[in-house]
Amino acid sequence: MKILVLNSGSSSLKYQLIDMTNEEVMAKGNFERIGHGNSFVTHKVGEDKHVIEHNVKNHEEAIKFVLEQFTNEEYGVIKSLDEIDAVGHRLVHGGEKFSSSVIITDEVVKQVEECSSLAPLHNPAGILGIEACKRLMPNVPMVGVFDTAFHQTMPKVAYTYAIPYEYYEKYGIRKYGFHGTSHRFVSERAAELMGGVTPDLKIVTCHLGQGASIAAVKGGKCVNTSMGLTPLAGIPMGTRSGDLDPAIVKYLMDNEHLSIDEVDTILNKKSGVYGVSCVSPDSRDIEAAAAEGNEKAQLALAMQNFAIAEHIAKYAVSMQGIDAIVFTAGIGENEKNTREAVCNYLAYMGIKIDDELNKSRGKEVELSTSESSIRVFVIPTNEELVIARDTRDLVSKG
């Protein structure tokens, strides 16, 4: 079975074509600047990369062009589009409507639209991708895989906000969490490395990239996570503030004469490690500046590492203990300084990691020593594979 995985952004389209007989990525790429002129796609087949400038007005034109690359005479990987058995769509927000992946129907699309107020930048883009595929591949089954679904097992005490309860009842205002497919993948892999899931297995997964979130996974189920109603909550990220005193919003509006939209832009796009360091949203740039003695860069990284450690320690309460910690995503998989700093904060728990093993980048490795009371892993995430597996399983059943 060959499955096309699509991740539709507001002006982008990431994709992978995966052969599920061996879970091999046949081709993958990213279409950028859709509808903005000068659009282009970076298409990869194995080690070969093809950057193709091709203006498209919308997602349908982008997907059509991507499909053509799969059968290209020079670097195509299939002879006919009939070889694509199913399409898996990454969908950001399923609200309380979806606690697992689903076969996409007209009713599912309607329910995803109803959740769009909770993810106004992401859900409409996902629907555009679905509608485009319906027109281009009308007989190919599709599956929706939700970022929020994995976190739907959180207990009410963990996801309810201490605001008037009527706002939860009227608008669904509660903690939802994100990066669910990543947390699910790495927690399942960690469980495999530890002998399999048991009801009492307690794992903290740290998805650390430009966007970052932490989850507490007990017995294979999420019981708490750092992001909230939106992906703005939690630890300081590349450009997002993370948790803060909500009164800061009004204070900035009053003293800087800003609108609520302007403050929202500040918190989402000008804050986090970028806002504190005044260097860059890219952790590599901030690491370099910190190494050169830039005090703001040093502070930004220290704040982020402290917040990660705080959340990990907090989840010892959620799960009544911790058996393992997993680092994943761009920073988690590659930044040894981040992993070292976080583990040093938690040394009081008995965590000990091997300095040499911690130098590894982008590969699966256990960092903890035999004396460590908590096992520590680096596990590269693979959200596309989760989507492909769910798509295969649901389509095969149907």
Protein backbone atom coordinates (compact mmCIF):
# COMPACT_ATOMS: atom_id res chain seq x y z
CA MET A 1 0.00 0.00 0.00
CA LYS A 2 1.30 3.45 -0.99
CA ILE A 3 0.07 6.39 1.06
CA LEU A 4 0.36 10.10 0.38
CA VAL A 5 0.71 12.16 3.57
CA LEU A 6 -0.24 15.84 3.31
CA ASN A 7 0.29 18.70 5.75
CA SER A 8 -1.47 21.78 4.38
CA GLY A 9 -0.46 25.16 5.78
CA SER A 10 -2.01 28.51 4.97
CA SER A 11 0.50 29.06 2.13
CA SER A 12 2.48 25.82 2.17
CA LEU A 13 2.13 22.11 1.51
CA LYS A 14 4.42 19.48 3.00
CA TYR A 15 4.10 15.96 1.66
CA GLN A 16 5.52 12.44 1.70
CA LEU A 17 4.74 9.42 -0.43
CA ILE A 18 5.34 6.31 1.69
CA ASP A 19 5.43 2.66 0.65
CA MET A 20 3.89 0.90 3.64
CA THR A 21 5.27 -2.53 2.71
CA ASN A 22 8.59 -1.38 4.21
CA GLU A 23 7.62 2.11 5.46
CA GLU A 24 10.05 3.63 2.97
CA VAL A 25 9.71 7.29 2.01
CA MET A 26 9.61 7.21 -1.78
CA ALA A 27 9.51 10.99 -2.24
CA LYS A 28 8.88 14.05 -0.09
CA GLY A 29 8.91 17.79 -0.31
CA ASN A 30 7.56 21.19 0.58
CA PHE A 31 5.61 23.60 -1.61
CA GLU A 32 6.07 27.19 -0.40
CA ARG A 33 4.46 30.59 -1.06
CA ILE A 34 1.23 29.11 -2.43
CA GLY A 35 -0.94 31.93 -3.75
CA HIS A 36 1.70 34.59 -3.12
CA GLY A 37 3.68 34.58 -6.37
CA ASN A 38 7.17 33.16 -6.80
CA SER A 39 5.95 29.85 -5.36
CA PHE A 40 8.28 26.86 -5.57
CA VAL A 41 8.56 23.27 -4.48
CA THR A 42 11.56 21.46 -3.02
CA HIS A 43 11.09 17.84 -4.09
CA LYS A 44 13.35 15.09 -2.76
CA VAL A 45 13.84 11.53 -3.96
CA GLY A 46 16.42 9.77 -1.83
CA GLU A 47 19.49 12.01 -1.73
CA ASP A 48 18.45 13.90 -4.87
CA LYS A 49 16.84 17.32 -4.42
CA HIS A 50 14.94 19.21 -7.10
CA VAL A 51 13.97 22.85 -6.51
CA ILE A 52 11.29 23.81 -9.02
CA GLU A 53 9.85 27.29 -9.42
CA HIS A 54 6.18 26.97 -10.30
CA ASN A 55 3.54 29.58 -9.54
CA VAL A 56 0.26 28.23 -8.19
CA LYS A 57 -2.81 30.12 -7.05
CA ASN A 58 -4.14 27.60 -4.54
CA HIS A 59 -3.65 24.23 -2.85
CA GLU A 60 -5.41 22.32 -5.62
CA GLU A 61 -2.89 23.56 -8.19
CA ALA A 62 -0.05 22.78 -5.77
CA ILE A 63 -1.24 19.22 -5.12
CA LYS A 64 -1.79 18.65 -8.85
CA PHE A 65 1.80 19.72 -9.56
CA VAL A 66 3.15 17.52 -6.75
CA LEU A 67 1.29 14.51 -8.15
CA GLU A 68 2.93 15.17 -11.51
CA GLN A 69 6.37 14.96 -9.86
CA PHE A 70 5.62 11.44 -8.63
CA THR A 71 5.29 10.25 -12.24
CA ASN A 72 7.99 12.51 -13.74
CA GLU A 73 9.99 10.74 -16.48
CA GLU A 74 13.33 11.77 -14.96
CA TYR A 75 12.84 11.22 -11.23
CA GLY A 76 9.36 9.73 -10.83
CA VAL A 77 8.79 7.00 -8.25
CA ILE A 78 5.51 5.52 -9.53
CA LYS A 79 4.23 4.80 -13.03
CA SER A 80 0.65 5.90 -12.41
CA LEU A 81 -1.29 7.85 -9.81
CA ASP A 82 -3.49 4.76 -9.52
CA GLU A 83 -0.69 3.36 -7.33
CA ILE A 84 -1.63 5.82 -4.54
CA ASP A 85 -4.00 3.84 -2.34
CA ALA A 86 -4.94 6.48 0.24
CA VAL A 87 -4.22 10.01 1.48
CA GLY A 88 -3.55 10.89 5.12
CA HIS A 89 -4.10 14.52 6.13
CA ARG A 90 -2.53 16.17 9.14
CA LEU A 91 -5.28 18.22 10.79
CA VAL A 92 -4.38 20.48 13.69
CA HIS A 93 -7.50 20.87 15.79
CA GLY A 94 -10.23 18.32 16.38
CA GLY A 95 -11.54 19.92 19.56
CA GLU A 96 -13.46 17.44 21.68
CA LYS A 97 -15.04 15.94 18.57
CA PHE A 98 -12.14 13.66 17.65
CA SER A 99 -10.14 11.47 20.02
CA SER A 100 -8.64 9.35 17.25
CA SER A 101 -7.95 9.40 13.53
CA VAL A 102 -10.97 9.00 11.21
CA ILE A 103 -11.94 8.22 7.64
CA ILE A 104 -12.78 11.60 6.08
CA THR A 105 -16.43 12.09 5.12
CA ASP A 106 -18.51 15.19 4.41
CA GLU A 107 -19.67 15.08 8.04
CA VAL A 108 -16.05 14.97 9.28
CA VAL A 109 -15.18 17.99 7.13
CA LYS A 110 -18.15 19.84 8.59
CA GLN A 111 -16.98 19.06 12.13
CA VAL A 112 -13.42 20.18 11.32
CA GLU A 113 -14.89 23.45 10.04
CA GLU A 114 -16.74 23.83 13.35
CA CYS A 115 -13.38 23.62 15.15
CA SER A 116 -11.84 26.31 12.94
CA SER A 117 -12.42 29.07 15.51
CA LEU A 118 -9.96 27.19 17.75
CA ALA A 119 -7.31 27.04 14.98
CA PRO A 120 -8.15 29.77 12.45
CA LEU A 121 -4.81 29.56 10.65
CA HIS A 122 -4.56 25.77 10.46
CA ASN A 123 -7.95 24.07 10.11
CA PRO A 124 -9.10 26.04 7.03
CA ALA A 125 -5.81 25.14 5.32
CA GLY A 126 -6.33 21.46 6.15
CA ILE A 127 -9.82 21.60 4.65
CA LEU A 128 -8.40 23.17 1.48
CA GLY A 129 -6.09 20.17 1.15
CA ILE A 130 -8.97 17.73 1.65
CA GLU A 131 -11.23 19.46 -0.88
CA ALA A 132 -8.40 19.60 -3.44
CA CYS A 133 -7.76 15.86 -3.10
CA LYS A 134 -11.47 15.11 -3.44
CA ARG A 135 -11.44 16.81 -6.84
CA LEU A 136 -8.08 15.48 -8.04
CA MET A 137 -8.42 11.92 -6.67
CA PRO A 138 -12.17 11.40 -6.19
CA ASN A 139 -11.98 7.65 -5.62
CA VAL A 140 -9.02 7.59 -3.23
CA PRO A 141 -9.97 7.21 0.46
CA MET A 142 -8.70 9.85 2.89
CA VAL A 143 -7.97 9.85 6.61
CA GLY A 144 -7.70 12.78 9.02
CA VAL A 145 -5.09 12.59 11.81
CA PHE A 146 -5.44 15.28 14.49
CA ASP A 147 -2.69 16.97 16.50
CA THR A 148 -5.10 17.25 19.42
CA ALA A 149 -6.45 13.69 19.45
CA PHE A 150 -3.68 12.09 21.54
CA HIS A 151 -4.32 14.56 24.36
CA GLN A 152 -8.05 13.79 24.64
CA THR A 153 -7.30 11.27 27.39
CA MET A 154 -6.35 14.07 29.82
CA PRO A 155 -8.50 14.09 32.96
CA LYS A 156 -10.82 17.04 33.54
CA VAL A 157 -8.67 18.30 36.41
CA ALA A 158 -5.78 18.74 33.96
CA TYR A 159 -7.61 20.36 31.04
CA THR A 160 -10.11 22.69 32.78
CA TYR A 161 -9.24 26.37 33.20
CA ALA A 162 -10.17 28.23 36.39
CA ILE A 163 -12.49 30.69 34.64
CA PRO A 164 -16.30 30.69 34.75
CA TYR A 165 -17.34 27.19 33.73
CA GLU A 166 -19.95 28.58 31.35
CA TYR A 167 -17.17 29.53 28.91
CA TYR A 168 -16.14 25.89 28.65
CA GLU A 169 -19.76 24.89 28.11
CA LYS A 170 -20.43 27.63 25.54
CA TYR A 171 -17.15 27.83 23.65
CA GLY A 172 -15.12 24.75 24.57
CA ILE A 173 -12.41 26.85 26.23
CA ARG A 174 -10.07 24.29 27.80
CA LYS A 175 -6.58 22.86 27.38
CA TYR A 176 -6.31 20.80 24.19
CA GLY A 177 -2.59 20.32 23.56
CA PHE A 178 -0.76 19.93 20.25
CA HIS A 179 2.08 17.92 18.62
CA GLY A 180 0.01 14.86 19.55
CA THR A 181 1.28 12.67 16.72
CA SER A 182 4.88 13.38 17.77
CA HIS A 183 4.25 12.72 21.47
CA ARG A 184 2.45 9.52 20.55
CA PHE A 185 5.23 8.27 18.25
CA VAL A 186 8.14 8.86 20.61
CA SER A 187 6.31 7.67 23.72
CA GLU A 188 5.39 4.42 21.95
CA ARG A 189 8.99 3.98 20.78
CA ALA A 190 10.34 4.66 24.27
CA ALA A 191 7.94 2.07 25.67
CA GLU A 192 9.25 -0.45 23.13
CA LEU A 193 12.83 0.26 24.24
CA MET A 194 11.75 -0.26 27.84
CA GLY A 195 10.05 -3.59 27.23
CA GLY A 196 6.56 -2.51 26.23
CA VAL A 197 3.70 -0.43 27.59
CA THR A 198 2.46 -1.27 31.08
CA PRO A 199 -0.37 0.52 32.93
CA ASP A 200 2.15 2.18 35.27
CA LEU A 201 4.81 3.20 32.71
CA LYS A 202 5.40 6.95 33.16
CA ILE A 203 7.09 8.86 30.32
CA VAL A 204 7.61 12.60 29.81
CA THR A 205 8.03 13.50 26.14
CA CYS A 206 9.68 16.80 25.20
CA HIS A 207 8.94 17.96 21.64
CA LEU A 208 11.40 20.84 21.34
CA GLY A 209 11.52 22.84 18.12
CA GLN A 210 10.43 26.30 16.99
CA GLY A 211 7.15 25.26 18.53
CA ALA A 212 7.63 23.21 21.68
CA SER A 213 5.46 21.20 24.02
CA ILE A 214 5.84 18.65 26.79
CA ALA A 215 3.50 15.78 27.60
CA ALA A 216 3.01 13.35 30.46
CA VAL A 217 2.19 9.88 29.12
CA LYS A 218 1.11 7.23 31.63
CA GLY A 219 0.35 3.71 30.44
CA GLY A 220 0.44 4.91 26.84
CA LYS A 221 -2.13 7.67 27.41
CA CYS A 222 -1.60 11.42 27.75
CA VAL A 223 -2.56 12.74 31.18
CA ASN A 224 -1.17 16.28 30.85
CA THR A 225 0.53 18.55 28.34
CA SER A 226 1.99 22.06 28.26
CA MET A 227 0.16 23.71 25.34
CA GLY A 228 -3.37 24.87 26.00
CA LEU A 229 -6.37 26.18 24.09
CA THR A 230 -3.81 27.30 21.51
CA PRO A 231 -0.14 26.51 20.80
CA LEU A 232 0.86 29.75 22.57
CA ALA A 233 0.84 28.22 26.06
CA GLY A 234 3.58 26.27 27.83
CA ILE A 235 7.32 26.85 27.71
CA PRO A 236 9.02 29.78 25.91
CA MET A 237 9.45 28.82 22.24
CA GLY A 238 11.14 30.28 19.17
CA THR A 239 8.86 33.30 18.94
CA ARG A 240 6.00 32.38 21.30
CA SER A 241 5.89 33.59 24.90
CA GLY A 242 4.59 30.44 26.56
CA ASP A 243 2.79 30.85 29.89
CA LEU A 244 2.54 34.34 31.37
CA ASP A 245 0.38 36.42 33.69
CA PRO A 246 -2.75 37.17 31.61
CA ALA A 247 -2.89 40.69 33.03
CA ILE A 248 0.22 41.49 30.95
CA VAL A 249 -2.04 41.66 27.90
CA LYS A 250 -4.12 44.54 29.29
CA TYR A 251 -1.01 46.22 30.72
CA LEU A 252 0.65 46.29 27.28
CA MET A 253 -2.53 47.49 25.62
CA ASP A 254 -2.89 50.37 28.08
CA ASN A 255 0.76 51.45 28.21
CA GLU A 256 1.85 50.82 24.63
CA HIS A 257 -1.54 51.85 23.15
CA LEU A 258 -1.84 48.54 21.31
CA SER A 259 -4.86 46.67 19.97
CA ILE A 260 -5.57 43.11 21.09
CA ASP A 261 -4.44 41.90 17.63
CA GLU A 262 -1.13 43.73 18.01
CA VAL A 263 -0.51 42.16 21.42
CA ASP A 264 -1.43 38.77 19.97
CA THR A 265 1.20 39.28 17.26
CA ILE A 266 3.80 40.23 19.87
CA LEU A 267 3.11 37.12 21.97
CA ASN A 268 3.06 34.76 18.99
CA LYS A 269 5.72 36.19 16.68
CA LYS A 270 8.02 38.49 18.65
CA SER A 271 8.41 36.79 22.02
CA GLY A 272 9.96 33.57 23.30
CA VAL A 273 13.73 33.11 23.02
CA TYR A 274 13.72 35.56 20.11
CA GLY A 275 12.08 38.29 22.16
CA VAL A 276 14.44 37.88 25.13
CA SER A 277 17.65 37.34 23.15
CA CYS A 278 16.96 40.01 20.49
CA VAL A 279 19.03 37.76 18.20
CA SER A 280 16.92 35.32 16.19
CA PRO A 281 14.12 32.77 16.50
CA ASP A 282 16.64 30.08 15.52
CA SER A 283 18.16 28.33 18.53
CA ARG A 284 21.41 27.77 16.61
CA ASP A 285 21.90 31.51 16.21
CA ILE A 286 21.11 32.08 19.88
CA GLU A 287 23.50 29.30 20.95
CA ALA A 288 26.25 30.93 18.87
CA ALA A 289 25.55 34.37 20.36
CA ALA A 290 25.49 32.92 23.88
CA ALA A 291 28.85 31.24 23.29
CA GLU A 292 30.27 34.64 22.31
CA GLY A 293 29.11 36.11 25.62
CA ASN A 294 25.80 37.70 24.64
CA GLU A 295 24.02 37.93 28.00
CA LYS A 296 20.50 38.24 26.59
CA ALA A 297 21.06 35.12 24.49
CA GLN A 298 22.37 33.29 27.55
CA LEU A 299 19.31 34.39 29.53
CA ALA A 300 16.88 33.31 26.80
CA LEU A 301 18.33 29.81 26.66
CA ALA A 302 18.51 29.52 30.44
CA MET A 303 14.85 30.57 30.75
CA GLN A 304 13.78 27.98 28.19
CA ASN A 305 15.80 25.18 29.79
CA PHE A 306 14.49 26.08 33.25
CA ALA A 307 10.90 26.03 32.00
CA ILE A 308 11.40 22.61 30.35
CA ALA A 309 12.80 21.19 33.59
CA GLU A 310 9.97 22.76 35.61
CA HIS A 311 7.34 21.14 33.41
CA ILE A 312 9.05 17.76 33.59
CA ALA A 313 9.13 17.97 37.39
CA LYS A 314 5.49 19.09 37.44
CA TYR A 315 4.48 15.99 35.51
CA ALA A 316 5.86 13.82 38.30
CA VAL A 317 2.71 15.01 40.09
CA SER A 318 0.47 14.21 37.12
CA MET A 319 1.80 10.65 36.92
CA GLN A 320 3.00 10.11 40.51
CA GLY A 321 6.52 9.55 39.29
CA ILE A 322 8.66 9.45 36.13
CA ASP A 323 10.30 6.40 34.55
CA ALA A 324 11.71 8.04 31.42
CA ILE A 325 12.25 11.36 29.67
CA VAL A 326 12.35 11.62 25.88
CA PHE A 327 13.85 14.49 23.86
CA THR A 328 12.67 14.91 20.26
CA ALA A 329 12.22 17.40 17.36
CA GLY A 330 14.83 19.84 16.05
CA ILE A 331 16.21 21.13 19.34
CA GLY A 332 15.54 17.99 21.33
CA GLU A 333 17.31 15.78 18.81
CA ASN A 334 20.27 18.03 18.08
CA GLU A 335 21.06 20.47 20.92
CA LYS A 336 23.30 18.76 23.46
CA ASN A 337 23.49 21.91 25.60
CA THR A 338 19.72 21.96 26.05
CA ARG A 339 19.57 18.30 27.05
CA GLU A 340 22.51 18.71 29.45
CA ALA A 341 21.07 21.82 31.10
CA VAL A 342 17.62 20.26 31.58
CA CYS A 343 19.09 17.06 33.03
CA ASN A 344 21.33 19.08 35.35
CA TYR A 345 18.28 20.89 36.73
CA LEU A 346 16.75 17.46 37.41
CA ALA A 347 19.86 15.86 38.88
CA TYR A 348 18.17 15.94 42.29
CA MET A 349 15.82 13.27 40.92
CA GLY A 350 18.81 11.00 40.40
CA ILE A 351 19.18 11.61 36.65
CA LYS A 352 22.65 10.93 35.26
CA ILE A 353 23.54 11.10 31.57
CA ASP A 354 26.64 10.09 29.63
CA ASP A 355 28.44 13.20 28.34
CA GLU A 356 29.84 11.41 25.28
CA LEU A 357 26.49 9.93 24.27
CA ASN A 358 24.90 13.35 24.72
CA LYS A 359 27.06 14.67 21.86
CA SER A 360 25.05 12.62 19.35
CA ARG A 361 22.79 14.49 16.92
CA GLY A 362 19.62 13.38 15.18
CA LYS A 363 19.74 9.71 16.08
CA GLU A 364 18.10 7.38 18.56
CA VAL A 365 20.18 6.93 21.69
CA GLU A 366 19.76 6.36 25.41
CA LEU A 367 21.68 9.07 27.27
CA SER A 368 21.19 7.83 30.83
CA THR A 369 23.83 5.82 32.62
CA SER A 370 23.18 2.58 34.50
CA GLU A 371 23.19 4.56 37.78
CA SER A 372 20.41 6.93 36.63
CA SER A 373 17.10 6.58 38.46
CA ILE A 374 15.23 7.83 35.35
CA ARG A 375 16.02 6.70 31.81
CA VAL A 376 16.68 9.46 29.27
CA PHE A 377 16.32 8.98 25.51
CA VAL A 378 16.74 10.93 22.31
CA ILE A 379 14.20 9.60 19.79
CA PRO A 380 13.80 11.29 16.38
CA THR A 381 10.14 11.98 15.76
CA ASN A 382 8.25 10.82 12.68
CA GLU A 383 4.81 12.38 12.56
CA GLU A 384 4.33 11.50 8.89
CA LEU A 385 4.79 7.81 9.64
CA VAL A 386 2.13 8.00 12.38
CA ILE A 387 -0.27 9.53 9.86
CA ALA A 388 0.59 6.89 7.25
CA ARG A 389 0.13 4.03 9.72
CA ASP A 390 -3.25 5.33 10.91
CA THR A 391 -4.33 5.82 7.30
CA ARG A 392 -3.31 2.28 6.37
CA ASP A 393 -5.06 0.78 9.38
CA LEU A 394 -8.34 2.65 8.88
CA VAL A 395 -8.48 2.13 5.12
CA SER A 396 -7.66 -1.58 5.50
CA LYS A 397 -10.54 -2.00 7.98
CA GLY A 398 -12.96 -0.15 5.73
